[in-house]
Amino acid sequence: MAYLIWVVRILLFILLFGLAARNTEIVHVRGYLGYEWQAPLALALLAATFVGVLLGVMGAVRTMLYLRSAAPNHQKSTQGVRVDDLKDAEEALGLSAHRPPIPYRKAGESLAGDEGA
């Protein structure tokens, strides 16, 4: 399996290298205030890809740092909760796990006590 992965990597490198070799024309990237950058098309594409990856990693790191700092606070807030406390809260809210079965009837049958209605 490792050999297959290396073969795919080598083929991908050859394809991308061929793409870069075929796109050597100079392109003009015009920015604000008269700023202009001239570079081969392959280099401009590489730079745009790098900037996109960099922005994505920065967003992921920001989220990871936020979650890492929030995790200890979450653990502290759930410490000391006992199972008995949860059962009492469920009973107080009417969330008992042992509910009686819901009566059902087949077509044409009536429930007990509905005969007089």
PDB file of N, CA and C in Angstrom:
ATOM      1  N   MET A   1       0.825  -1.196   0.000  1.00  0.00           N
ATOM      2  CA  MET A   1       0.000   0.000   0.000  1.00  0.00           C
ATOM      3  C   MET A   1       0.872   1.263   0.000  1.00  0.00           C
ATOM      4  N   ALA A   2       1.978   1.210   0.745  1.00  0.00           N
ATOM      5  CA  ALA A   2       2.871   2.366   0.801  1.00  0.00           C
ATOM      6  C   ALA A   2       3.480   2.647  -0.574  1.00  0.00           C
ATOM      7  N   TYR A   3       3.761   1.582  -1.334  1.00  0.00           N
ATOM      8  CA  TYR A   3       4.307   1.777  -2.674  1.00  0.00           C
ATOM      9  C   TYR A   3       3.298   2.467  -3.578  1.00  0.00           C
ATOM     10  N   LEU A   4       2.047   2.103  -3.448  1.00  0.00           N
ATOM     11  CA  LEU A   4       0.995   2.722  -4.255  1.00  0.00           C
ATOM     12  C   LEU A   4       0.880   4.214  -3.944  1.00  0.00           C
ATOM     13  N   ILE A   5       0.974   4.563  -2.686  1.00  0.00           N
ATOM     14  CA  ILE A   5       0.903   5.976  -2.293  1.00  0.00           C
ATOM     15  C   ILE A   5       2.074   6.749  -2.893  1.00  0.00           C
ATOM     16  N   TRP A   6       3.265   6.161  -2.861  1.00  0.00           N
ATOM     17  CA  TRP A   6       4.419   6.842  -3.443  1.00  0.00           C
ATOM     18  C   TRP A   6       4.293   6.977  -4.956  1.00  0.00           C
ATOM     19  N   VAL A   7       3.731   5.986  -5.612  1.00  0.00           N
ATOM     20  CA  VAL A   7       3.521   6.074  -7.060  1.00  0.00           C
ATOM     21  C   VAL A   7       2.556   7.207  -7.380  1.00  0.00           C
ATOM     22  N   VAL A   8       1.478   7.317  -6.601  1.00  0.00           N
ATOM     23  CA  VAL A   8       0.506   8.394  -6.814  1.00  0.00           C
ATOM     24  C   VAL A   8       1.161   9.753  -6.566  1.00  0.00           C
ATOM     25  N   ARG A   9       1.976   9.858  -5.528  1.00  0.00           N
ATOM     26  CA  ARG A   9       2.667  11.122  -5.247  1.00  0.00           C
ATOM     27  C   ARG A   9       3.600  11.519  -6.390  1.00  0.00           C
ATOM     28  N   ILE A  10       4.347  10.554  -6.899  1.00  0.00           N
ATOM     29  CA  ILE A  10       5.277  10.842  -7.994  1.00  0.00           C
ATOM     30  C   ILE A  10       4.518  11.262  -9.248  1.00  0.00           C
ATOM     31  N   LEU A  11       3.429  10.571  -9.559  1.00  0.00           N
ATOM     32  CA  LEU A  11       2.618  10.948 -10.727  1.00  0.00           C
ATOM     33  C   LEU A  11       2.028  12.342 -10.565  1.00  0.00           C
ATOM     34  N   LEU A  12       1.544  12.656  -9.376  1.00  0.00           N
ATOM     35  CA  LEU A  12       0.986  13.987  -9.118  1.00  0.00           C
ATOM     36  C   LEU A  12       2.063  15.058  -9.271  1.00  0.00           C
ATOM     37  N   PHE A  13       3.258  14.785  -8.775  1.00  0.00           N
ATOM     38  CA  PHE A  13       4.362  15.737  -8.926  1.00  0.00           C
ATOM     39  C   PHE A  13       4.701  15.958 -10.394  1.00  0.00           C
ATOM     40  N   ILE A  14       4.760  14.878 -11.155  1.00  0.00           N
ATOM     41  CA  ILE A  14       5.088  15.002 -12.587  1.00  0.00           C
ATOM     42  C   ILE A  14       4.015  15.807 -13.309  1.00  0.00           C
ATOM     43  N   LEU A  15       2.752  15.554 -12.986  1.00  0.00           N
ATOM     44  CA  LEU A  15       1.666  16.305 -13.633  1.00  0.00           C
ATOM     45  C   LEU A  15       1.726  17.785 -13.279  1.00  0.00           C
ATOM     46  N   LEU A  16       1.949  18.099 -12.007  1.00  0.00           N
ATOM     47  CA  LEU A  16       2.010  19.502 -11.603  1.00  0.00           C
ATOM     48  C   LEU A  16       3.261  20.191 -12.141  1.00  0.00           C
ATOM     49  N   PHE A  17       4.363  19.466 -12.204  1.00  0.00           N
ATOM     50  CA  PHE A  17       5.585  20.036 -12.771  1.00  0.00           C
ATOM     51  C   PHE A  17       5.399  20.326 -14.256  1.00  0.00           C
ATOM     52  N   GLY A  18       4.727  19.420 -14.952  1.00  0.00           N
ATOM     53  CA  GLY A  18       4.441  19.644 -16.370  1.00  0.00           C
ATOM     54  C   GLY A  18       3.522  20.832 -16.578  1.00  0.00           C
ATOM     55  N   LEU A  19       2.537  20.986 -15.698  1.00  0.00           N
ATOM     56  CA  LEU A  19       1.635  22.143 -15.770  1.00  0.00           C
ATOM     57  C   LEU A  19       2.412  23.437 -15.571  1.00  0.00           C
ATOM     58  N   ALA A  20       3.313  23.443 -14.597  1.00  0.00           N
ATOM     59  CA  ALA A  20       4.111  24.650 -14.338  1.00  0.00           C
ATOM     60  C   ALA A  20       5.049  24.938 -15.499  1.00  0.00           C
ATOM     61  N   ALA A  21       5.617  23.896 -16.090  1.00  0.00           N
ATOM     62  CA  ALA A  21       6.546  24.096 -17.204  1.00  0.00           C
ATOM     63  C   ALA A  21       5.835  24.637 -18.439  1.00  0.00           C
ATOM     64  N   ARG A  22       4.570  24.287 -18.632  1.00  0.00           N
ATOM     65  CA  ARG A  22       3.823  24.731 -19.814  1.00  0.00           C
ATOM     66  C   ARG A  22       3.240  26.138 -19.641  1.00  0.00           C
ATOM     67  N   ASN A  23       3.170  26.634 -18.402  1.00  0.00           N
ATOM     68  CA  ASN A  23       2.560  27.941 -18.148  1.00  0.00           C
ATOM     69  C   ASN A  23       3.611  28.915 -17.617  1.00  0.00           C
ATOM     70  N   THR A  24       4.541  29.266 -18.486  1.00  0.00           N
ATOM     71  CA  THR A  24       5.615  30.175 -18.081  1.00  0.00           C
ATOM     72  C   THR A  24       5.384  31.595 -18.566  1.00  0.00           C
ATOM     73  N   GLU A  25       4.223  31.878 -19.154  1.00  0.00           N
ATOM     74  CA  GLU A  25       3.966  33.231 -19.634  1.00  0.00           C
ATOM     75  C   GLU A  25       3.911  34.193 -18.451  1.00  0.00           C
ATOM     76  N   ILE A  26       4.315  35.404 -18.702  1.00  0.00           N
ATOM     77  CA  ILE A  26       4.304  36.442 -17.669  1.00  0.00           C
ATOM     78  C   ILE A  26       2.876  36.973 -17.535  1.00  0.00           C
ATOM     79  N   VAL A  27       2.407  37.059 -16.305  1.00  0.00           N
ATOM     80  CA  VAL A  27       1.085  37.634 -16.035  1.00  0.00           C
ATOM     81  C   VAL A  27       1.279  38.874 -15.176  1.00  0.00           C
ATOM     82  N   HIS A  28       0.328  39.774 -15.275  1.00  0.00           N
ATOM     83  CA  HIS A  28       0.353  41.016 -14.511  1.00  0.00           C
ATOM     84  C   HIS A  28      -0.753  40.936 -13.468  1.00  0.00           C
ATOM     85  N   VAL A  29      -0.371  41.005 -12.222  1.00  0.00           N
ATOM     86  CA  VAL A  29      -1.344  41.044 -11.125  1.00  0.00           C
ATOM     87  C   VAL A  29      -1.382  42.478 -10.643  1.00  0.00           C
ATOM     88  N   ARG A  30      -2.518  43.133 -10.887  1.00  0.00           N
ATOM     89  CA  ARG A  30      -2.650  44.549 -10.546  1.00  0.00           C
ATOM     90  C   ARG A  30      -3.403  44.692  -9.235  1.00  0.00           C
ATOM     91  N   GLY A  31      -2.818  45.449  -8.317  1.00  0.00           N
ATOM     92  CA  GLY A  31      -3.434  45.699  -7.019  1.00  0.00           C
ATOM     93  C   GLY A  31      -3.909  47.129  -6.903  1.00  0.00           C
ATOM     94  N   TYR A  32      -4.176  47.524  -5.688  1.00  0.00           N
ATOM     95  CA  TYR A  32      -4.643  48.889  -5.429  1.00  0.00           C
ATOM     96  C   TYR A  32      -3.481  49.879  -5.448  1.00  0.00           C
ATOM     97  N   LEU A  33      -3.803  51.133  -5.658  1.00  0.00           N
ATOM     98  CA  LEU A  33      -2.850  52.244  -5.649  1.00  0.00           C
ATOM     99  C   LEU A  33      -1.733  52.071  -6.669  1.00  0.00           C
ATOM    100  N   GLY A  34      -2.051  51.456  -7.803  1.00  0.00           N
ATOM    101  CA  GLY A  34      -1.086  51.319  -8.880  1.00  0.00           C
ATOM    102  C   GLY A  34      -0.068  50.207  -8.684  1.00  0.00           C
ATOM    103  N   TYR A  35      -0.225  49.400  -7.668  1.00  0.00           N
ATOM    104  CA  TYR A  35       0.709  48.296  -7.422  1.00  0.00           C
ATOM    105  C   TYR A  35       0.500  47.225  -8.480  1.00  0.00           C
ATOM    106  N   GLU A  36       1.612  46.764  -9.064  1.00  0.00           N
ATOM    107  CA  GLU A  36       1.540  45.730 -10.088  1.00  0.00           C
ATOM    108  C   GLU A  36       2.666  44.731  -9.870  1.00  0.00           C
ATOM    109  N   TRP A  37       2.325  43.458 -10.012  1.00  0.00           N
ATOM    110  CA  TRP A  37       3.302  42.378  -9.829  1.00  0.00           C
ATOM    111  C   TRP A  37       3.356  41.566 -11.113  1.00  0.00           C
ATOM    112  N   GLN A  38       4.543  41.372 -11.651  1.00  0.00           N
ATOM    113  CA  GLN A  38       4.716  40.578 -12.861  1.00  0.00           C
ATOM    114  C   GLN A  38       5.469  39.309 -12.500  1.00  0.00           C
ATOM    115  N   ALA A  39       4.873  38.159 -12.874  1.00  0.00           N
ATOM    116  CA  ALA A  39       5.504  36.873 -12.555  1.00  0.00           C
ATOM    117  C   ALA A  39       4.976  35.827 -13.526  1.00  0.00           C
ATOM    118  N   PRO A  40       5.661  34.705 -13.646  1.00  0.00           N
ATOM    119  CA  PRO A  40       5.124  33.610 -14.454  1.00  0.00           C
ATOM    120  C   PRO A  40       3.794  33.109 -13.864  1.00  0.00           C
ATOM    121  N   LEU A  41       2.939  32.635 -14.743  1.00  0.00           N
ATOM    122  CA  LEU A  41       1.622  32.185 -14.312  1.00  0.00           C
ATOM    123  C   LEU A  41       1.720  31.095 -13.252  1.00  0.00           C
ATOM    124  N   ALA A  42       2.643  30.157 -13.408  1.00  0.00           N
ATOM    125  CA  ALA A  42       2.782  29.074 -12.434  1.00  0.00           C
ATOM    126  C   ALA A  42       3.143  29.622 -11.058  1.00  0.00           C
ATOM    127  N   LEU A  43       4.007  30.644 -11.020  1.00  0.00           N
ATOM    128  CA  LEU A  43       4.384  31.232  -9.734  1.00  0.00           C
ATOM    129  C   LEU A  43       3.212  31.991  -9.112  1.00  0.00           C
ATOM    130  N   ALA A  44       2.426  32.668  -9.923  1.00  0.00           N
ATOM    131  CA  ALA A  44       1.256  33.374  -9.414  1.00  0.00           C
ATOM    132  C   ALA A  44       0.236  32.382  -8.839  1.00  0.00           C
ATOM    133  N   LEU A  45       0.033  31.255  -9.521  1.00  0.00           N
ATOM    134  CA  LEU A  45      -0.884  30.235  -9.002  1.00  0.00           C
ATOM    135  C   LEU A  45      -0.359  29.626  -7.708  1.00  0.00           C
ATOM    136  N   LEU A  46       0.940  29.392  -7.647  1.00  0.00           N
ATOM    137  CA  LEU A  46       1.543  28.846  -6.438  1.00  0.00           C
ATOM    138  C   LEU A  46       1.387  29.814  -5.266  1.00  0.00           C
ATOM    139  N   ALA A  47       1.592  31.098  -5.522  1.00  0.00           N
ATOM    140  CA  ALA A  47       1.449  32.106  -4.469  1.00  0.00           C
ATOM    141  C   ALA A  47       0.002  32.187  -3.981  1.00  0.00           C
ATOM    142  N   ALA A  48      -0.950  32.140  -4.913  1.00  0.00           N
ATOM    143  CA  ALA A  48      -2.357  32.191  -4.524  1.00  0.00           C
ATOM    144  C   ALA A  48      -2.741  30.950  -3.703  1.00  0.00           C
ATOM    145  N   THR A  49      -2.229  29.799  -4.086  1.00  0.00           N
ATOM    146  CA  THR A  49      -2.498  28.577  -3.328  1.00  0.00           C
ATOM    147  C   THR A  49      -1.899  28.672  -1.935  1.00  0.00           C
ATOM    148  N   PHE A  50      -0.668  29.166  -1.841  1.00  0.00           N
ATOM    149  CA  PHE A  50      -0.011  29.306  -0.552  1.00  0.00           C
ATOM    150  C   PHE A  50      -0.787  30.248   0.365  1.00  0.00           C
ATOM    151  N   VAL A  51      -1.246  31.372  -0.164  1.00  0.00           N
ATOM    152  CA  VAL A  51      -2.013  32.326   0.645  1.00  0.00           C
ATOM    153  C   VAL A  51      -3.320  31.685   1.113  1.00  0.00           C
ATOM    154  N   GLY A  52      -3.978  30.933   0.256  1.00  0.00           N
ATOM    155  CA  GLY A  52      -5.220  30.268   0.652  1.00  0.00           C
ATOM    156  C   GLY A  52      -5.006  29.226   1.733  1.00  0.00           C
ATOM    157  N   VAL A  53      -3.949  28.434   1.594  1.00  0.00           N
ATOM    158  CA  VAL A  53      -3.641  27.436   2.622  1.00  0.00           C
ATOM    159  C   VAL A  53      -3.284  28.125   3.930  1.00  0.00           C
ATOM    160  N   LEU A  54      -2.512  29.196   3.866  1.00  0.00           N
ATOM    161  CA  LEU A  54      -2.121  29.927   5.064  1.00  0.00           C
ATOM    162  C   LEU A  54      -3.340  30.490   5.796  1.00  0.00           C
ATOM    163  N   LEU A  55      -4.280  31.066   5.064  1.00  0.00           N
ATOM    164  CA  LEU A  55      -5.503  31.583   5.691  1.00  0.00           C
ATOM    165  C   LEU A  55      -6.332  30.459   6.310  1.00  0.00           C
ATOM    166  N   GLY A  56      -6.409  29.321   5.637  1.00  0.00           N
ATOM    167  CA  GLY A  56      -7.146  28.190   6.189  1.00  0.00           C
ATOM    168  C   GLY A  56      -6.527  27.652   7.466  1.00  0.00           C
ATOM    169  N   VAL A  57      -5.199  27.550   7.491  1.00  0.00           N
ATOM    170  CA  VAL A  57      -4.510  27.068   8.694  1.00  0.00           C
ATOM    171  C   VAL A  57      -4.679  28.062   9.834  1.00  0.00           C
ATOM    172  N   MET A  58      -4.618  29.350   9.533  1.00  0.00           N
ATOM    173  CA  MET A  58      -4.802  30.351  10.582  1.00  0.00           C
ATOM    174  C   MET A  58      -6.199  30.263  11.190  1.00  0.00           C
ATOM    175  N   GLY A  59      -7.205  30.040  10.364  1.00  0.00           N
ATOM    176  CA  GLY A  59      -8.556  29.871  10.887  1.00  0.00           C
ATOM    177  C   GLY A  59      -8.698  28.617  11.729  1.00  0.00           C
ATOM    178  N   ALA A  60      -8.050  27.536  11.304  1.00  0.00           N
ATOM    179  CA  ALA A  60      -8.125  26.295  12.064  1.00  0.00           C
ATOM    180  C   ALA A  60      -7.394  26.424  13.399  1.00  0.00           C
ATOM    181  N   VAL A  61      -6.244  27.100  13.406  1.00  0.00           N
ATOM    182  CA  VAL A  61      -5.494  27.287  14.646  1.00  0.00           C
ATOM    183  C   VAL A  61      -6.295  28.143  15.616  1.00  0.00           C
ATOM    184  N   ARG A  62      -6.942  29.161  15.108  1.00  0.00           N
ATOM    185  CA  ARG A  62      -7.772  30.016  15.965  1.00  0.00           C
ATOM    186  C   ARG A  62      -8.874  29.199  16.627  1.00  0.00           C
ATOM    187  N   THR A  63      -9.535  28.344  15.863  1.00  0.00           N
ATOM    188  CA  THR A  63     -10.598  27.508  16.417  1.00  0.00           C
ATOM    189  C   THR A  63     -10.037  26.506  17.413  1.00  0.00           C
ATOM    190  N   MET A  64      -8.894  25.896  17.101  1.00  0.00           N
ATOM    191  CA  MET A  64      -8.288  24.934  18.024  1.00  0.00           C
ATOM    192  C   MET A  64      -7.903  25.595  19.333  1.00  0.00           C
ATOM    193  N   LEU A  65      -7.333  26.785  19.282  1.00  0.00           N
ATOM    194  CA  LEU A  65      -6.953  27.487  20.511  1.00  0.00           C
ATOM    195  C   LEU A  65      -8.183  27.839  21.342  1.00  0.00           C
ATOM    196  N   TYR A  66      -9.252  28.256  20.690  1.00  0.00           N
ATOM    197  CA  TYR A  66     -10.475  28.572  21.409  1.00  0.00           C
ATOM    198  C   TYR A  66     -11.035  27.332  22.098  1.00  0.00           C
ATOM    199  N   LEU A  67     -11.096  26.217  21.373  1.00  0.00           N
ATOM    200  CA  LEU A  67     -11.628  24.992  21.962  1.00  0.00           C
ATOM    201  C   LEU A  67     -10.724  24.472  23.068  1.00  0.00           C
ATOM    202  N   ARG A  68      -9.433  24.606  22.905  1.00  0.00           N
ATOM    203  CA  ARG A  68      -8.509  24.144  23.939  1.00  0.00           C
ATOM    204  C   ARG A  68      -8.658  24.974  25.210  1.00  0.00           C
ATOM    205  N   SER A  69      -8.890  26.275  25.061  1.00  0.00           N
ATOM    206  CA  SER A  69      -9.055  27.109  26.258  1.00  0.00           C
ATOM    207  C   SER A  69     -10.432  26.914  26.887  1.00  0.00           C
ATOM    208  N   ALA A  70     -11.426  26.522  26.110  1.00  0.00           N
ATOM    209  CA  ALA A  70     -12.774  26.338  26.647  1.00  0.00           C
ATOM    210  C   ALA A  70     -12.952  24.969  27.294  1.00  0.00           C
ATOM    211  N   ALA A  71     -12.143  23.979  26.929  1.00  0.00           N
ATOM    212  CA  ALA A  71     -12.316  22.621  27.440  1.00  0.00           C
ATOM    213  C   ALA A  71     -12.128  22.522  28.955  1.00  0.00           C
ATOM    214  N   PRO A  72     -11.109  23.124  29.577  1.00  0.00           N
ATOM    215  CA  PRO A  72     -10.989  23.004  31.035  1.00  0.00           C
ATOM    216  C   PRO A  72     -12.163  23.621  31.776  1.00  0.00           C
ATOM    217  N   ASN A  73     -12.708  24.714  31.257  1.00  0.00           N
ATOM    218  CA  ASN A  73     -13.868  25.330  31.899  1.00  0.00           C
ATOM    219  C   ASN A  73     -15.071  24.408  31.844  1.00  0.00           C
ATOM    220  N   HIS A  74     -15.223  23.707  30.729  1.00  0.00           N
ATOM    221  CA  HIS A  74     -16.343  22.773  30.599  1.00  0.00           C
ATOM    222  C   HIS A  74     -16.176  21.606  31.558  1.00  0.00           C
ATOM    223  N   GLN A  75     -14.961  21.103  31.709  1.00  0.00           N
ATOM    224  CA  GLN A  75     -14.736  19.989  32.618  1.00  0.00           C
ATOM    225  C   GLN A  75     -14.982  20.401  34.058  1.00  0.00           C
ATOM    226  N   LYS A  76     -14.590  21.615  34.433  1.00  0.00           N
ATOM    227  CA  LYS A  76     -14.815  22.084  35.797  1.00  0.00           C
ATOM    228  C   LYS A  76     -16.299  22.224  36.092  1.00  0.00           C
ATOM    229  N   SER A  77     -17.075  22.636  35.116  1.00  0.00           N
ATOM    230  CA  SER A  77     -18.501  22.843  35.363  1.00  0.00           C
ATOM    231  C   SER A  77     -19.251  21.535  35.506  1.00  0.00           C
ATOM    232  N   THR A  78     -18.725  20.437  34.985  1.00  0.00           N
ATOM    233  CA  THR A  78     -19.417  19.158  35.100  1.00  0.00           C
ATOM    234  C   THR A  78     -18.880  18.302  36.230  1.00  0.00           C
ATOM    235  N   GLN A  79     -17.822  18.733  36.903  1.00  0.00           N
ATOM    236  CA  GLN A  79     -17.307  17.952  38.021  1.00  0.00           C
ATOM    237  C   GLN A  79     -18.245  18.072  39.208  1.00  0.00           C
ATOM    238  N   GLY A  80     -18.344  17.005  39.970  1.00  0.00           N
ATOM    239  CA  GLY A  80     -19.164  17.016  41.173  1.00  0.00           C
ATOM    240  C   GLY A  80     -20.626  16.695  40.925  1.00  0.00           C
ATOM    241  N   VAL A  81     -21.009  16.385  39.717  1.00  0.00           N
ATOM    242  CA  VAL A  81     -22.395  16.012  39.428  1.00  0.00           C
ATOM    243  C   VAL A  81     -22.532  14.524  39.699  1.00  0.00           C
ATOM    244  N   ARG A  82     -23.471  14.181  40.555  1.00  0.00           N
ATOM    245  CA  ARG A  82     -23.681  12.783  40.902  1.00  0.00           C
ATOM    246  C   ARG A  82     -24.857  12.239  40.119  1.00  0.00           C
ATOM    247  N   VAL A  83     -24.899  10.928  39.992  1.00  0.00           N
ATOM    248  CA  VAL A  83     -25.978  10.272  39.267  1.00  0.00           C
ATOM    249  C   VAL A  83     -27.310  10.511  39.967  1.00  0.00           C
ATOM    250  N   ASP A  84     -27.298  10.526  41.289  1.00  0.00           N
ATOM    251  CA  ASP A  84     -28.535  10.769  42.038  1.00  0.00           C
ATOM    252  C   ASP A  84     -29.098  12.156  41.738  1.00  0.00           C
ATOM    253  N   ASP A  85     -28.209  13.151  41.604  1.00  0.00           N
ATOM    254  CA  ASP A  85     -28.661  14.497  41.260  1.00  0.00           C
ATOM    255  C   ASP A  85     -29.344  14.509  39.895  1.00  0.00           C
ATOM    256  N   LEU A  86     -28.790  13.759  38.943  1.00  0.00           N
ATOM    257  CA  LEU A  86     -29.388  13.703  37.615  1.00  0.00           C
ATOM    258  C   LEU A  86     -30.745  13.020  37.651  1.00  0.00           C
ATOM    259  N   LYS A  87     -30.871  11.954  38.438  1.00  0.00           N
ATOM    260  CA  LYS A  87     -32.163  11.257  38.548  1.00  0.00           C
ATOM    261  C   LYS A  87     -33.205  12.162  39.174  1.00  0.00           C
ATOM    262  N   ASP A  88     -32.816  12.913  40.232  1.00  0.00           N
ATOM    263  CA  ASP A  88     -33.762  13.834  40.863  1.00  0.00           C
ATOM    264  C   ASP A  88     -34.206  14.917  39.881  1.00  0.00           C
ATOM    265  N   ALA A  89     -33.267  15.419  39.070  1.00  0.00           N
ATOM    266  CA  ALA A  89     -33.611  16.449  38.096  1.00  0.00           C
ATOM    267  C   ALA A  89     -34.541  15.888  37.028  1.00  0.00           C
ATOM    268  N   GLU A  90     -34.306  14.637  36.592  1.00  0.00           N
ATOM    269  CA  GLU A  90     -35.186  14.021  35.603  1.00  0.00           C
ATOM    270  C   GLU A  90     -36.593  13.851  36.141  1.00  0.00           C
ATOM    271  N   GLU A  91     -36.699  13.416  37.394  1.00  0.00           N
ATOM    272  CA  GLU A  91     -38.022  13.243  37.982  1.00  0.00           C
ATOM    273  C   GLU A  91     -38.732  14.577  38.142  1.00  0.00           C
ATOM    274  N   ALA A  92     -37.991  15.617  38.539  1.00  0.00           N
ATOM    275  CA  ALA A  92     -38.596  16.927  38.718  1.00  0.00           C
ATOM    276  C   ALA A  92     -39.099  17.484  37.395  1.00  0.00           C
ATOM    277  N   LEU A  93     -38.414  17.170  36.310  1.00  0.00           N
ATOM    278  CA  LEU A  93     -38.821  17.657  35.001  1.00  0.00           C
ATOM    279  C   LEU A  93     -39.788  16.718  34.298  1.00  0.00           C
ATOM    280  N   GLY A  94     -40.043  15.572  34.895  1.00  0.00           N
ATOM    281  CA  GLY A  94     -40.935  14.603  34.259  1.00  0.00           C
ATOM    282  C   GLY A  94     -40.282  13.859  33.123  1.00  0.00           C
ATOM    283  N   LEU A  95     -38.983  13.636  33.214  1.00  0.00           N
ATOM    284  CA  LEU A  95     -38.254  12.960  32.150  1.00  0.00           C
ATOM    285  C   LEU A  95     -37.885  11.540  32.558  1.00  0.00           C
ATOM    286  N   SER A  96     -38.752  10.881  33.264  1.00  0.00           N
ATOM    287  CA  SER A  96     -38.450   9.539  33.749  1.00  0.00           C
ATOM    288  C   SER A  96     -38.231   8.591  32.577  1.00  0.00           C
ATOM    289  N   ALA A  97     -37.216   7.743  32.706  1.00  0.00           N
ATOM    290  CA  ALA A  97     -36.911   6.787  31.644  1.00  0.00           C
ATOM    291  C   ALA A  97     -37.886   5.621  31.650  1.00  0.00           C
ATOM    292  N   HIS A  98     -38.611   5.416  32.762  1.00  0.00           N
ATOM    293  CA  HIS A  98     -39.539   4.294  32.878  1.00  0.00           C
ATOM    294  C   HIS A  98     -40.973   4.793  32.686  1.00  0.00           C
ATOM    295  N   ARG A  99     -41.316   5.091  31.475  1.00  0.00           N
ATOM    296  CA  ARG A  99     -42.667   5.568  31.157  1.00  0.00           C
ATOM    297  C   ARG A  99     -43.544   4.384  30.823  1.00  0.00           C
ATOM    298  N   PRO A 100     -44.808   4.472  31.151  1.00  0.00           N
ATOM    299  CA  PRO A 100     -45.713   3.382  30.764  1.00  0.00           C
ATOM    300  C   PRO A 100     -45.870   3.377  29.246  1.00  0.00           C
ATOM    301  N   PRO A 101     -46.116   2.200  28.680  1.00  0.00           N
ATOM    302  CA  PRO A 101     -46.278   2.154  27.231  1.00  0.00           C
ATOM    303  C   PRO A 101     -47.500   2.944  26.781  1.00  0.00           C
ATOM    304  N   ILE A 102     -47.394   3.528  25.623  1.00  0.00           N
ATOM    305  CA  ILE A 102     -48.493   4.307  25.061  1.00  0.00           C
ATOM    306  C   ILE A 102     -49.502   3.323  24.466  1.00  0.00           C
ATOM    307  N   PRO A 103     -50.760   3.415  24.877  1.00  0.00           N
ATOM    308  CA  PRO A 103     -51.751   2.495  24.313  1.00  0.00           C
ATOM    309  C   PRO A 103     -51.990   2.804  22.841  1.00  0.00           C
ATOM    310  N   TYR A 104     -52.209   1.799  22.076  1.00  0.00           N
ATOM    311  CA  TYR A 104     -52.509   1.983  20.666  1.00  0.00           C
ATOM    312  C   TYR A 104     -53.662   1.063  20.318  1.00  0.00           C
ATOM    313  N   ARG A 105     -54.272   1.331  19.231  1.00  0.00           N
ATOM    314  CA  ARG A 105     -55.374   0.473  18.807  1.00  0.00           C
ATOM    315  C   ARG A 105     -55.259   0.200  17.322  1.00  0.00           C
ATOM    316  N   LYS A 106     -55.729  -0.961  16.989  1.00  0.00           N
ATOM    317  CA  LYS A 106     -55.753  -1.327  15.589  1.00  0.00           C
ATOM    318  C   LYS A 106     -57.004  -0.734  14.956  1.00  0.00           C
ATOM    319  N   ALA A 107     -57.048  -0.749  13.667  1.00  0.00           N
ATOM    320  CA  ALA A 107     -58.207  -0.197  12.970  1.00  0.00           C
ATOM    321  C   ALA A 107     -59.462  -0.938  13.403  1.00  0.00           C
ATOM    322  N   GLY A 108     -60.462  -0.212  13.822  1.00  0.00           N
ATOM    323  CA  GLY A 108     -61.747  -0.791  14.230  1.00  0.00           C
ATOM    324  C   GLY A 108     -61.826  -1.116  15.698  1.00  0.00           C
ATOM    325  N   GLU A 109     -60.745  -1.075  16.452  1.00  0.00           N
ATOM    326  CA  GLU A 109     -60.775  -1.344  17.890  1.00  0.00           C
ATOM    327  C   GLU A 109     -60.910  -0.041  18.644  1.00  0.00           C
ATOM    328  N   SER A 110     -61.390  -0.144  19.858  1.00  0.00           N
ATOM    329  CA  SER A 110     -61.470   1.025  20.718  1.00  0.00           C
ATOM    330  C   SER A 110     -60.660   0.769  21.970  1.00  0.00           C
ATOM    331  N   LEU A 111     -60.195   1.837  22.593  1.00  0.00           N
ATOM    332  CA  LEU A 111     -59.448   1.715  23.834  1.00  0.00           C
ATOM    333  C   LEU A 111     -60.406   1.411  24.972  1.00  0.00           C
ATOM    334  N   ALA A 112     -59.854   0.820  26.037  1.00  0.00           N
ATOM    335  CA  ALA A 112     -60.676   0.521  27.218  1.00  0.00           C
ATOM    336  C   ALA A 112     -61.195   1.849  27.775  1.00  0.00           C
ATOM    337  N   GLY A 113     -62.457   1.891  28.066  1.00  0.00           N
ATOM    338  CA  GLY A 113     -63.076   3.104  28.576  1.00  0.00           C
ATOM    339  C   GLY A 113     -63.675   3.957  27.496  1.00  0.00           C
ATOM    340  N   ASP A 114     -63.473   3.633  26.239  1.00  0.00           N
ATOM    341  CA  ASP A 114     -64.027   4.424  25.148  1.00  0.00           C
ATOM    342  C   ASP A 114     -65.354   3.845  24.657  1.00  0.00           C
ATOM    343  N   GLU A 115     -65.806   2.733  25.263  1.00  0.00           N
ATOM    344  CA  GLU A 115     -67.005   2.078  24.744  1.00  0.00           C
ATOM    345  C   GLU A 115     -68.242   2.977  24.877  1.00  0.00           C
ATOM    346  N   GLY A 116     -68.302   3.746  25.962  1.00  0.00           N
ATOM    347  CA  GLY A 116     -69.492   4.562  26.182  1.00  0.00           C
ATOM    348  C   GLY A 116     -69.486   5.835  25.386  1.00  0.00           C
ATOM    349  N   ALA A 117     -68.413   6.196  24.771  1.00  0.00           N
ATOM    350  CA  ALA A 117     -68.317   7.467  24.077  1.00  0.00           C
ATOM    351  C   ALA A 117     -68.862   7.394  22.679  1.00  0.00           C
TER     352      ALA A 117
END
